C-alpha atoms as a PDB file:
ATOM      1  CA  MET A   1     -22.787   7.867  -1.086  1.00  0.00           C
ATOM      2  CA  ASN A   2     -22.880   4.138  -0.442  1.00  0.00           C
ATOM      3  CA  TYR A   3     -19.296   3.756   0.864  1.00  0.00           C
ATOM      4  CA  ASP A   4     -19.311  -0.130   1.403  1.00  0.00           C
ATOM      5  CA  GLY A   5     -21.050  -0.663  -1.972  1.00  0.00           C
ATOM      6  CA  GLN A   6     -18.530   1.534  -3.899  1.00  0.00           C
ATOM      7  CA  TYR A   7     -15.592  -0.020  -2.075  1.00  0.00           C
ATOM      8  CA  ALA A   8     -16.688  -3.491  -3.014  1.00  0.00           C
ATOM      9  CA  GLN A   9     -17.512  -2.492  -6.674  1.00  0.00           C
ATOM     10  CA  TRP A  10     -13.787  -1.242  -6.849  1.00  0.00           C
ATOM     11  CA  GLN A  11     -12.281  -4.253  -5.045  1.00  0.00           C
ATOM     12  CA  ARG A  12     -14.174  -6.542  -7.286  1.00  0.00           C
ATOM     13  CA  ALA A  13     -13.169  -4.716 -10.470  1.00  0.00           C
ATOM     14  CA  THR A  14      -9.519  -4.986  -9.247  1.00  0.00           C
ATOM     15  CA  GLU A  15      -9.673  -8.510  -8.411  1.00  0.00           C
ATOM     16  CA  GLU A  16     -11.055  -9.178 -11.975  1.00  0.00           C
ATOM     17  CA  ALA A  17      -8.521  -7.261 -13.672  1.00  0.00           C
ATOM     18  CA  LEU A  18      -5.605  -8.793 -11.676  1.00  0.00           C
ATOM     19  CA  ASP A  19      -6.620 -12.307 -12.492  1.00  0.00           C
ATOM     20  CA  ALA A  20      -6.860 -11.422 -16.273  1.00  0.00           C
ATOM     21  CA  ALA A  21      -3.582  -9.778 -16.104  1.00  0.00           C
ATOM     22  CA  LEU A  22      -1.835 -12.947 -14.615  1.00  0.00           C
ATOM     23  CA  ALA A  23      -3.700 -15.128 -17.295  1.00  0.00           C
ATOM     24  CA  ALA A  24      -2.254 -13.039 -20.020  1.00  0.00           C
ATOM     25  CA  CYS A  25       1.144 -12.227 -18.724  1.00  0.00           C
ATOM     26  CA  GLY A  26       3.013 -15.502 -20.074  1.00  0.00           C
ATOM     27  CA  ALA A  27       4.907 -16.427 -16.955  1.00  0.00           C
ATOM     28  CA  PRO A  28       5.967 -20.184 -16.882  1.00  0.00           C
ATOM     29  CA  GLU A  29       5.005 -22.398 -13.885  1.00  0.00           C
ATOM     30  CA  PRO A  30       5.989 -22.600 -11.097  1.00  0.00           C
ATOM     31  CA  LEU A  31       6.575 -18.924 -11.325  1.00  0.00           C
ATOM     32  CA  LEU A  32       3.031 -18.003 -12.365  1.00  0.00           C
ATOM     33  CA  GLY A  33       1.694 -20.193  -9.443  1.00  0.00           C
ATOM     34  CA  ALA A  34       3.866 -18.329  -6.947  1.00  0.00           C
ATOM     35  CA  MET A  35       2.926 -14.844  -8.234  1.00  0.00           C
ATOM     36  CA  ARG A  36      -0.822 -15.832  -8.240  1.00  0.00           C
ATOM     37  CA  TYR A  37      -0.458 -17.140  -4.808  1.00  0.00           C
ATOM     38  CA  SER A  38       0.319 -13.938  -3.247  1.00  0.00           C
ATOM     39  CA  LEU A  39      -1.352 -11.570  -5.503  1.00  0.00           C
ATOM     40  CA  MET A  40      -4.829 -13.303  -5.509  1.00  0.00           C
ATOM     41  CA  ALA A  41      -4.680 -14.137  -1.647  1.00  0.00           C
ATOM     42  CA  GLY A  42      -7.435 -11.378  -0.911  1.00  0.00           C
ATOM     43  CA  GLY A  43      -6.495  -8.495   1.190  1.00  0.00           C
ATOM     44  CA  LYS A  44      -8.179  -4.815   1.492  1.00  0.00           C
ATOM     45  CA  ARG A  45      -6.965  -3.809  -2.049  1.00  0.00           C
ATOM     46  CA  LEU A  46      -6.489  -0.309  -0.207  1.00  0.00           C
ATOM     47  CA  ARG A  47      -3.989   1.195  -2.800  1.00  0.00           C
ATOM     48  CA  PRO A  48      -5.791   0.276  -5.786  1.00  0.00           C
ATOM     49  CA  VAL A  49      -9.084   1.573  -4.151  1.00  0.00           C
ATOM     50  CA  LEU A  50      -7.317   4.798  -3.379  1.00  0.00           C
ATOM     51  CA  LEU A  51      -6.085   5.113  -6.923  1.00  0.00           C
ATOM     52  CA  LEU A  52      -9.378   4.620  -8.521  1.00  0.00           C
ATOM     53  CA  ALA A  53     -11.136   6.817  -5.973  1.00  0.00           C
ATOM     54  CA  ALA A  54      -8.859   9.658  -6.439  1.00  0.00           C
ATOM     55  CA  CYS A  55      -9.235   9.547 -10.192  1.00  0.00           C
ATOM     56  CA  ASP A  56     -13.014   9.605  -9.647  1.00  0.00           C
ATOM     57  CA  ALA A  57     -12.940  12.320  -7.126  1.00  0.00           C
ATOM     58  CA  ALA A  58     -11.129  14.669  -9.556  1.00  0.00           C
ATOM     59  CA  GLY A  59     -13.727  13.849 -12.506  1.00  0.00           C
ATOM     60  CA  GLY A  60     -11.854  10.995 -14.266  1.00  0.00           C
ATOM     61  CA  ALA A  61     -13.235   7.810 -15.525  1.00  0.00           C
ATOM     62  CA  TRP A  62     -12.008   5.049 -13.148  1.00  0.00           C
ATOM     63  CA  GLN A  63     -12.366   2.275 -15.454  1.00  0.00           C
ATOM     64  CA  GLU A  64      -9.625   3.819 -17.547  1.00  0.00           C
ATOM     65  CA  ALA A  65      -7.326   3.846 -14.497  1.00  0.00           C
ATOM     66  CA  MET A  66      -7.590   0.134 -13.808  1.00  0.00           C
ATOM     67  CA  PRO A  67      -4.087  -0.683 -15.401  1.00  0.00           C
ATOM     68  CA  TRP A  68      -2.512   1.569 -12.853  1.00  0.00           C
ATOM     69  CA  ALA A  69      -4.603   0.050 -10.000  1.00  0.00           C
ATOM     70  CA  CYS A  70      -3.629  -3.287 -10.939  1.00  0.00           C
ATOM     71  CA  ALA A  71       0.044  -2.145 -10.986  1.00  0.00           C
ATOM     72  CA  VAL A  72      -0.050  -0.577  -7.574  1.00  0.00           C
ATOM     73  CA  GLU A  73      -1.361  -3.747  -6.171  1.00  0.00           C
ATOM     74  CA  MET A  74       1.240  -5.816  -7.917  1.00  0.00           C
ATOM     75  CA  ILE A  75       4.015  -3.581  -6.463  1.00  0.00           C
ATOM     76  CA  HIS A  76       2.531  -3.712  -2.959  1.00  0.00           C
ATOM     77  CA  THR A  77       2.366  -7.625  -3.341  1.00  0.00           C
ATOM     78  CA  TYR A  78       5.941  -7.939  -4.398  1.00  0.00           C
ATOM     79  CA  SER A  79       7.091  -5.860  -1.355  1.00  0.00           C
ATOM     80  CA  LEU A  80       5.127  -8.015   0.884  1.00  0.00           C
ATOM     81  CA  ILE A  81       6.697 -11.338  -0.539  1.00  0.00           C
ATOM     82  CA  HIS A  82      10.175  -9.845  -0.105  1.00  0.00           C
ATOM     83  CA  ASP A  83       9.393  -8.311   3.360  1.00  0.00           C
ATOM     84  CA  ASP A  84       8.410 -11.835   4.683  1.00  0.00           C
ATOM     85  CA  LEU A  85      11.635 -13.440   3.502  1.00  0.00           C
ATOM     86  CA  PRO A  86      13.940 -14.978   6.108  1.00  0.00           C
ATOM     87  CA  ALA A  87      16.566 -12.214   5.067  1.00  0.00           C
ATOM     88  CA  MET A  88      14.023  -9.505   6.169  1.00  0.00           C
ATOM     89  CA  ASP A  89      11.302 -10.102   8.569  1.00  0.00           C
ATOM     90  CA  ASP A  90      11.077 -13.890   8.502  1.00  0.00           C
ATOM     91  CA  ASP A  91       7.299 -14.311   8.665  1.00  0.00           C
ATOM     92  CA  ASP A  92       5.398 -17.665   8.451  1.00  0.00           C
ATOM     93  CA  LEU A  93       1.909 -16.225   7.959  1.00  0.00           C
ATOM     94  CA  ARG A  94       0.495 -13.561   5.680  1.00  0.00           C
ATOM     95  CA  ARG A  95      -3.408 -12.920   5.231  1.00  0.00           C
ATOM     96  CA  GLY A  96      -4.022 -16.104   7.238  1.00  0.00           C
ATOM     97  CA  GLN A  97      -2.061 -18.408   4.898  1.00  0.00           C
ATOM     98  CA  PRO A  98       1.716 -19.701   4.777  1.00  0.00           C
ATOM     99  CA  THR A  99       3.989 -16.779   3.183  1.00  0.00           C
ATOM    100  CA  ASN A 100       5.202 -17.331  -0.153  1.00  0.00           C
ATOM    101  CA  HIS A 101       8.687 -18.678   0.564  1.00  0.00           C
ATOM    102  CA  ARG A 102       7.149 -21.159   2.978  1.00  0.00           C
ATOM    103  CA  VAL A 103       5.184 -22.727   0.076  1.00  0.00           C
ATOM    104  CA  TYR A 104       7.394 -22.056  -3.030  1.00  0.00           C
ATOM    105  CA  GLY A 105      10.922 -21.814  -1.377  1.00  0.00           C
ATOM    106  CA  GLU A 106      13.095 -18.842  -1.009  1.00  0.00           C
ATOM    107  CA  GLY A 107      14.290 -18.706  -4.540  1.00  0.00           C
ATOM    108  CA  MET A 108      10.975 -18.851  -6.000  1.00  0.00           C
ATOM    109  CA  ALA A 109       9.588 -16.288  -3.661  1.00  0.00           C
ATOM    110  CA  VAL A 110      12.158 -13.724  -4.794  1.00  0.00           C
ATOM    111  CA  LEU A 111      11.366 -14.450  -8.307  1.00  0.00           C
ATOM    112  CA  ALA A 112       7.649 -14.195  -7.718  1.00  0.00           C
ATOM    113  CA  GLY A 113       8.289 -10.780  -6.212  1.00  0.00           C
ATOM    114  CA  ASP A 114      10.588  -9.691  -9.193  1.00  0.00           C
ATOM    115  CA  GLY A 115       7.939 -11.024 -11.678  1.00  0.00           C
ATOM    116  CA  LEU A 116       5.315  -8.898 -10.207  1.00  0.00           C
ATOM    117  CA  LEU A 117       7.204  -5.760  -9.960  1.00  0.00           C
ATOM    118  CA  SER A 118       8.198  -6.056 -13.598  1.00  0.00           C
ATOM    119  CA  LEU A 119       4.665  -7.019 -14.609  1.00  0.00           C
ATOM    120  CA  ALA A 120       3.433  -3.911 -12.909  1.00  0.00           C
ATOM    121  CA  PHE A 121       5.335  -1.822 -15.286  1.00  0.00           C
ATOM    122  CA  GLU A 122       4.467  -3.739 -18.319  1.00  0.00           C
ATOM    123  CA  THR A 123       0.860  -3.384 -17.349  1.00  0.00           C
ATOM    124  CA  MET A 124       1.150   0.344 -17.188  1.00  0.00           C
ATOM    125  CA  LEU A 125       3.401   1.061 -20.129  1.00  0.00           C
ATOM    126  CA  ALA A 126       1.021  -1.163 -22.260  1.00  0.00           C
ATOM    127  CA  ALA A 127      -1.790   1.356 -21.455  1.00  0.00           C
ATOM    128  CA  CYS A 128       0.246   4.521 -21.794  1.00  0.00           C
ATOM    129  CA  ARG A 129      -0.988   6.752 -24.534  1.00  0.00           C
ATOM    130  CA  THR A 130      -0.951  10.285 -23.200  1.00  0.00           C
ATOM    131  CA  PRO A 131       1.186  12.560 -21.059  1.00  0.00           C
ATOM    132  CA  ALA A 132      -1.153  12.194 -18.181  1.00  0.00           C
ATOM    133  CA  GLN A 133      -0.719   8.347 -18.073  1.00  0.00           C
ATOM    134  CA  VAL A 134       3.195   8.603 -18.455  1.00  0.00           C
ATOM    135  CA  ALA A 135       3.063  11.166 -15.578  1.00  0.00           C
ATOM    136  CA  ALA A 136       1.091   8.593 -13.606  1.00  0.00           C
ATOM    137  CA  THR A 137       3.464   5.883 -14.180  1.00  0.00           C
ATOM    138  CA  ALA A 138       6.424   8.069 -13.303  1.00  0.00           C
ATOM    139  CA  ALA A 139       4.585   8.882  -9.971  1.00  0.00           C
ATOM    140  CA  LEU A 140       4.308   5.128  -9.133  1.00  0.00           C
ATOM    141  CA  ALA A 141       7.776   4.479 -10.070  1.00  0.00           C
ATOM    142  CA  ARG A 142       9.111   7.230  -7.668  1.00  0.00           C
ATOM    143  CA  ALA A 143       6.815   6.125  -4.906  1.00  0.00           C
ATOM    144  CA  ALA A 144       8.125   2.480  -5.151  1.00  0.00           C
ATOM    145  CA  GLY A 145      11.879   3.389  -5.872  1.00  0.00           C
ATOM    146  CA  VAL A 146      14.985   3.959  -4.178  1.00  0.00           C
ATOM    147  CA  ALA A 147      14.078   7.337  -2.560  1.00  0.00           C
ATOM    148  CA  GLY A 148      10.594   5.935  -1.760  1.00  0.00           C
ATOM    149  CA  MET A 149       9.468   2.455  -0.439  1.00  0.00           C
ATOM    150  CA  VAL A 150      12.604   0.903  -0.871  1.00  0.00           C
ATOM    151  CA  ALA A 151      14.355   3.721   1.080  1.00  0.00           C
ATOM    152  CA  GLY A 152      11.712   2.989   3.836  1.00  0.00           C
ATOM    153  CA  GLN A 153      12.502  -0.632   3.720  1.00  0.00           C
ATOM    154  CA  CYS A 154      16.204   0.057   3.859  1.00  0.00           C
ATOM    155  CA  ALA A 155      15.756   2.328   7.027  1.00  0.00           C
ATOM    156  CA  ASP A 156      13.666  -0.181   8.831  1.00  0.00           C
ATOM    157  CA  LEU A 157      16.035  -3.104   8.101  1.00  0.00           C
ATOM    158  CA  THR A 158      18.987  -1.067   9.130  1.00  0.00           C
ATOM    159  CA  CYS A 159      17.402   0.177  12.462  1.00  0.00           C
ATOM    160  CA  GLN A 160      16.149  -3.169  13.255  1.00  0.00           C
ATOM    161  CA  ARG A 161      19.684  -4.903  12.741  1.00  0.00           C
ATOM    162  CA  GLU A 162      21.509  -2.271  14.716  1.00  0.00           C
ATOM    163  CA  ARG A 163      18.891  -1.943  17.490  1.00  0.00           C
ATOM    164  CA  ARG A 164      18.910   1.786  16.990  1.00  0.00           C
ATOM    165  CA  GLY A 165      16.763   4.759  16.052  1.00  0.00           C
ATOM    166  CA  GLY A 166      14.633   7.420  17.520  1.00  0.00           C
ATOM    167  CA  ALA A 167      11.710   9.740  16.408  1.00  0.00           C
ATOM    168  CA  GLN A 168      13.271  11.082  13.392  1.00  0.00           C
ATOM    169  CA  GLU A 169      14.131   7.617  11.993  1.00  0.00           C
ATOM    170  CA  LEU A 170      10.739   6.337  12.878  1.00  0.00           C
ATOM    171  CA  THR A 171       9.005   9.079  11.038  1.00  0.00           C
ATOM    172  CA  TYR A 172      11.409   8.561   8.118  1.00  0.00           C
ATOM    173  CA  ILE A 173      10.484   4.831   7.797  1.00  0.00           C
ATOM    174  CA  HIS A 174       6.765   5.539   8.099  1.00  0.00           C
ATOM    175  CA  LEU A 175       6.765   8.155   5.453  1.00  0.00           C
ATOM    176  CA  HIS A 176       8.733   6.084   2.912  1.00  0.00           C
ATOM    177  CA  LYS A 177       7.905   2.372   3.717  1.00  0.00           C
ATOM    178  CA  THR A 178       4.278   2.970   3.907  1.00  0.00           C
ATOM    179  CA  ALA A 179       2.978   6.681   2.999  1.00  0.00           C
ATOM    180  CA  ASP A 180       4.904   6.962  -0.304  1.00  0.00           C
ATOM    181  CA  MET A 181       2.995   4.154  -1.941  1.00  0.00           C
ATOM    182  CA  LEU A 182      -0.258   5.750  -0.860  1.00  0.00           C
ATOM    183  CA  CYS A 183       0.840   9.016  -2.367  1.00  0.00           C
ATOM    184  CA  GLY A 184       1.885   7.429  -5.477  1.00  0.00           C
ATOM    185  CA  ALA A 185      -1.585   5.643  -5.666  1.00  0.00           C
ATOM    186  CA  VAL A 186      -3.408   8.846  -5.032  1.00  0.00           C
ATOM    187  CA  GLY A 187      -0.968  10.770  -7.208  1.00  0.00           C
ATOM    188  CA  ALA A 188      -1.459   8.617 -10.019  1.00  0.00           C
ATOM    189  CA  GLY A 189      -5.208   8.740  -9.923  1.00  0.00           C
ATOM    190  CA  LEU A 190      -5.272  12.231  -9.862  1.00  0.00           C
ATOM    191  CA  ARG A 191      -2.833  12.632 -12.907  1.00  0.00           C
ATOM    192  CA  LEU A 192      -4.990  10.291 -14.698  1.00  0.00           C
ATOM    193  CA  ALA A 193      -7.923  12.479 -14.189  1.00  0.00           C
ATOM    194  CA  GLY A 194      -6.053  15.586 -15.139  1.00  0.00           C
ATOM    195  CA  ALA A 195      -6.370  17.071 -11.797  1.00  0.00           C
ATOM    196  CA  ALA A 196      -5.225  20.662 -11.289  1.00  0.00           C
ATOM    197  CA  ASP A 197      -2.045  21.476  -9.265  1.00  0.00           C
ATOM    198  CA  VAL A 198      -4.020  22.566  -6.178  1.00  0.00           C
ATOM    199  CA  LYS A 199      -5.604  19.026  -5.993  1.00  0.00           C
ATOM    200  CA  LEU A 200      -2.490  17.235  -6.681  1.00  0.00           C
ATOM    201  CA  ALA A 201      -0.983  19.047  -3.549  1.00  0.00           C
ATOM    202  CA  ALA A 202      -4.198  18.486  -1.547  1.00  0.00           C
ATOM    203  CA  GLY A 203      -4.079  14.801  -2.542  1.00  0.00           C
ATOM    204  CA  GLU A 204      -0.421  14.309  -1.467  1.00  0.00           C
ATOM    205  CA  ARG A 205      -1.043  16.072   1.717  1.00  0.00           C
ATOM    206  CA  PHE A 206      -4.035  13.628   2.315  1.00  0.00           C
ATOM    207  CA  ALA A 207      -2.255  10.474   1.329  1.00  0.00           C
ATOM    208  CA  GLN A 208       0.861  11.154   3.305  1.00  0.00           C
ATOM    209  CA  ALA A 209      -1.073  11.878   6.700  1.00  0.00           C
ATOM    210  CA  LEU A 210      -3.311   8.807   5.745  1.00  0.00           C
ATOM    211  CA  GLY A 211      -0.214   6.782   5.369  1.00  0.00           C
ATOM    212  CA  MET A 212       1.160   7.677   8.554  1.00  0.00           C
ATOM    213  CA  ALA A 213      -2.037   7.203  10.418  1.00  0.00           C
ATOM    214  CA  PHE A 214      -2.409   3.777   8.744  1.00  0.00           C
ATOM    215  CA  GLN A 215       1.027   2.518   9.670  1.00  0.00           C
ATOM    216  CA  ILE A 216       0.735   3.748  13.327  1.00  0.00           C
ATOM    217  CA  GLN A 217      -2.464   1.842  13.670  1.00  0.00           C
ATOM    218  CA  ASP A 218      -0.631  -1.141  11.955  1.00  0.00           C
ATOM    219  CA  ASP A 219       1.885  -0.926  14.894  1.00  0.00           C
ATOM    220  CA  LEU A 220      -0.784  -0.688  17.447  1.00  0.00           C
ATOM    221  CA  LEU A 221      -2.640  -3.865  16.141  1.00  0.00           C
ATOM    222  CA  ASP A 222       0.718  -5.860  16.457  1.00  0.00           C
ATOM    223  CA  VAL A 223       0.624  -4.929  20.075  1.00  0.00           C
ATOM    224  CA  GLN A 224      -3.030  -5.193  20.697  1.00  0.00           C
ATOM    225  CA  GLY A 225      -4.884  -6.673  17.676  1.00  0.00           C
ATOM    226  CA  ASP A 226      -6.298 -10.132  17.306  1.00  0.00           C
ATOM    227  CA  ALA A 227      -4.017 -12.613  15.518  1.00  0.00           C
ATOM    228  CA  GLN A 228      -6.778 -14.410  13.840  1.00  0.00           C
ATOM    229  CA  ALA A 229      -8.412 -11.258  12.487  1.00  0.00           C
ATOM    230  CA  LEU A 230      -5.206 -10.148  11.383  1.00  0.00           C
ATOM    231  CA  GLY A 231      -4.174 -13.139   9.574  1.00  0.00           C
ATOM    232  CA  LYS A 232      -0.718 -13.001  10.901  1.00  0.00           C
ATOM    233  CA  GLN A 233       1.190 -13.467  14.278  1.00  0.00           C
ATOM    234  CA  THR A 234       0.984 -10.480  16.618  1.00  0.00           C
ATOM    235  CA  GLY A 235       3.904  -9.331  19.051  1.00  0.00           C
ATOM    236  CA  MET A 236       6.494  -9.752  16.290  1.00  0.00           C
ATOM    237  CA  ASP A 237       7.581  -6.101  15.952  1.00  0.00           C
ATOM    238  CA  ALA A 238       8.674  -6.119  19.835  1.00  0.00           C
ATOM    239  CA  ARG A 239      10.454  -9.511  19.272  1.00  0.00           C
ATOM    240  CA  ARG A 240      12.329  -8.405  16.115  1.00  0.00           C
ATOM    241  CA  GLY A 241      13.474  -5.020  17.804  1.00  0.00           C
ATOM    242  CA  LYS A 242      11.684  -3.021  15.154  1.00  0.00           C
ATOM    243  CA  LEU A 243      11.136   0.661  15.555  1.00  0.00           C
ATOM    244  CA  THR A 244       7.547   1.552  15.945  1.00  0.00           C
ATOM    245  CA  TRP A 245       5.401   4.312  17.238  1.00  0.00           C
ATOM    246  CA  PRO A 246       3.818   2.353  20.332  1.00  0.00           C
ATOM    247  CA  GLY A 247       7.414   1.000  21.017  1.00  0.00           C
ATOM    248  CA  LEU A 248       9.136   4.421  21.145  1.00  0.00           C
ATOM    249  CA  HIS A 249       6.171   6.530  22.559  1.00  0.00           C
ATOM    250  CA  GLY A 250       3.690   4.173  24.186  1.00  0.00           C
ATOM    251  CA  PRO A 251       0.223   2.715  22.870  1.00  0.00           C
ATOM    252  CA  GLU A 252      -1.712   5.921  23.985  1.00  0.00           C
ATOM    253  CA  ALA A 253       0.629   8.338  22.350  1.00  0.00           C
ATOM    254  CA  ALA A 254       0.601   6.268  19.397  1.00  0.00           C
ATOM    255  CA  ARG A 255      -3.231   6.293  19.246  1.00  0.00           C
ATOM    256  CA  ARG A 256      -3.436  10.254  19.614  1.00  0.00           C
ATOM    257  CA  GLU A 257      -0.789  10.551  16.738  1.00  0.00           C
ATOM    258  CA  ALA A 258      -3.083   8.275  14.491  1.00  0.00           C
ATOM    259  CA  GLU A 259      -6.147  10.493  15.269  1.00  0.00           C
ATOM    260  CA  SER A 260      -3.943  13.690  14.581  1.00  0.00           C
ATOM    261  CA  GLN A 261      -2.600  12.513  11.390  1.00  0.00           C
ATOM    262  CA  THR A 262      -6.236  11.397  10.193  1.00  0.00           C
ATOM    263  CA  LYS A 263      -7.332  14.853  11.012  1.00  0.00           C
ATOM    264  CA  ARG A 264      -4.709  16.234   8.730  1.00  0.00           C
ATOM    265  CA  ALA A 265      -5.746  13.863   6.152  1.00  0.00           C
ATOM    266  CA  LEU A 266      -9.527  15.068   6.215  1.00  0.00           C
ATOM    267  CA  ALA A 267      -8.315  18.873   6.334  1.00  0.00           C
ATOM    268  CA  ALA A 268      -6.507  18.204   3.161  1.00  0.00           C
ATOM    269  CA  LEU A 269      -9.722  16.784   1.330  1.00  0.00           C
ATOM    270  CA  GLU A 270     -11.566  20.144   1.673  1.00  0.00           C
ATOM    271  CA  ALA A 271     -10.084  21.112  -1.684  1.00  0.00           C
ATOM    272  CA  PHE A 272     -12.254  18.256  -3.087  1.00  0.00           C
ATOM    273  CA  GLY A 273     -15.475  19.515  -1.668  1.00  0.00           C
ATOM    274  CA  GLU A 274     -18.200  16.751  -1.992  1.00  0.00           C
ATOM    275  CA  ASP A 275     -16.232  14.765  -4.510  1.00  0.00           C
ATOM    276  CA  GLY A 276     -13.847  13.811  -1.669  1.00  0.00           C
ATOM    277  CA  ALA A 277     -16.627  12.053   0.195  1.00  0.00           C
ATOM    278  CA  PHE A 278     -15.404   8.553  -0.492  1.00  0.00           C
ATOM    279  CA  LEU A 279     -11.957   9.386   0.565  1.00  0.00           C
ATOM    280  CA  HIS A 280     -13.100  11.177   3.637  1.00  0.00           C
ATOM    281  CA  ALA A 281     -15.151   8.004   4.795  1.00  0.00           C
ATOM    282  CA  LEU A 282     -12.095   5.753   3.830  1.00  0.00           C
ATOM    283  CA  ALA A 283      -9.839   7.786   6.237  1.00  0.00           C
ATOM    284  CA  VAL A 284     -12.250   7.512   9.090  1.00  0.00           C
ATOM    285  CA  ARG A 285     -12.819   3.766   8.493  1.00  0.00           C
ATOM    286  CA  MET A 286      -8.921   3.283   8.342  1.00  0.00           C
ATOM    287  CA  LEU A 287      -8.402   4.830  11.964  1.00  0.00           C
ATOM    288  CA  GLY A 288     -10.876   2.166  13.432  1.00  0.00           C
ATOM    289  CA  ARG A 289      -9.818  -0.873  11.648  1.00  0.00           C
ATOM    290  CA  ASP A 290      -9.061  -4.276  13.346  1.00  0.00           C
ATOM    291  CA  ARG A 291      -7.015  -5.755  10.507  1.00  0.00           C
END
């Protein structure tokens, strides 16, 4: 397996499909420009790659899963635009460039996020023909919704503003703010491929553990990472009083927990045998990332 080549292929295919979706969406200017500014700003495209890889690992045709891969990236980008707003994290930089509201203003940034969220569901629903495709759409809706990512964002904001929270609240935030969307991506990809229940359950365990490891590593990078490589300011979590794994348990304990969660993710992939090789390599790479 050529991991780098496969990742690059899925990343490139996602970029092309996202560009086409924006061109066809009918949004007026300056809304379209604000949506494009953040959606096409680069990034790892981790969530769409996870969705396509999960579909492929379960024997599906990843090309047919592309509308859902685009949708999960649109949802992710909307969440970043809103997360950067002054009412939330008030960030100036994202992926090495000024945040959306710094360029287009707060009102247009809110609308850009709203537009991307609605476009995500338009994109999926336009492609829905089968019960499996409906189930994949529902999986992403749940992951992004009020009991998923939005719930995690709510807990994160509440703990930050009230300067409170412990291990239980921190785990809740990581599970919902980050892991749920990875679970939604993997679950959607598996459903599109018609995966059996045993693989759906294994995929859920894999994605949840990967999400925990990813967010803990993200917290560590805010403490110890390089701002230029990350494309955003470091040390912001502590300044904002955010609840993080390094802040609560210390960097060494955080590193050990990220390693432990990665091992759980890899163990869950045993249900896929050799077909899970790409997902295995991705989880290992994510643990050692520097951005």
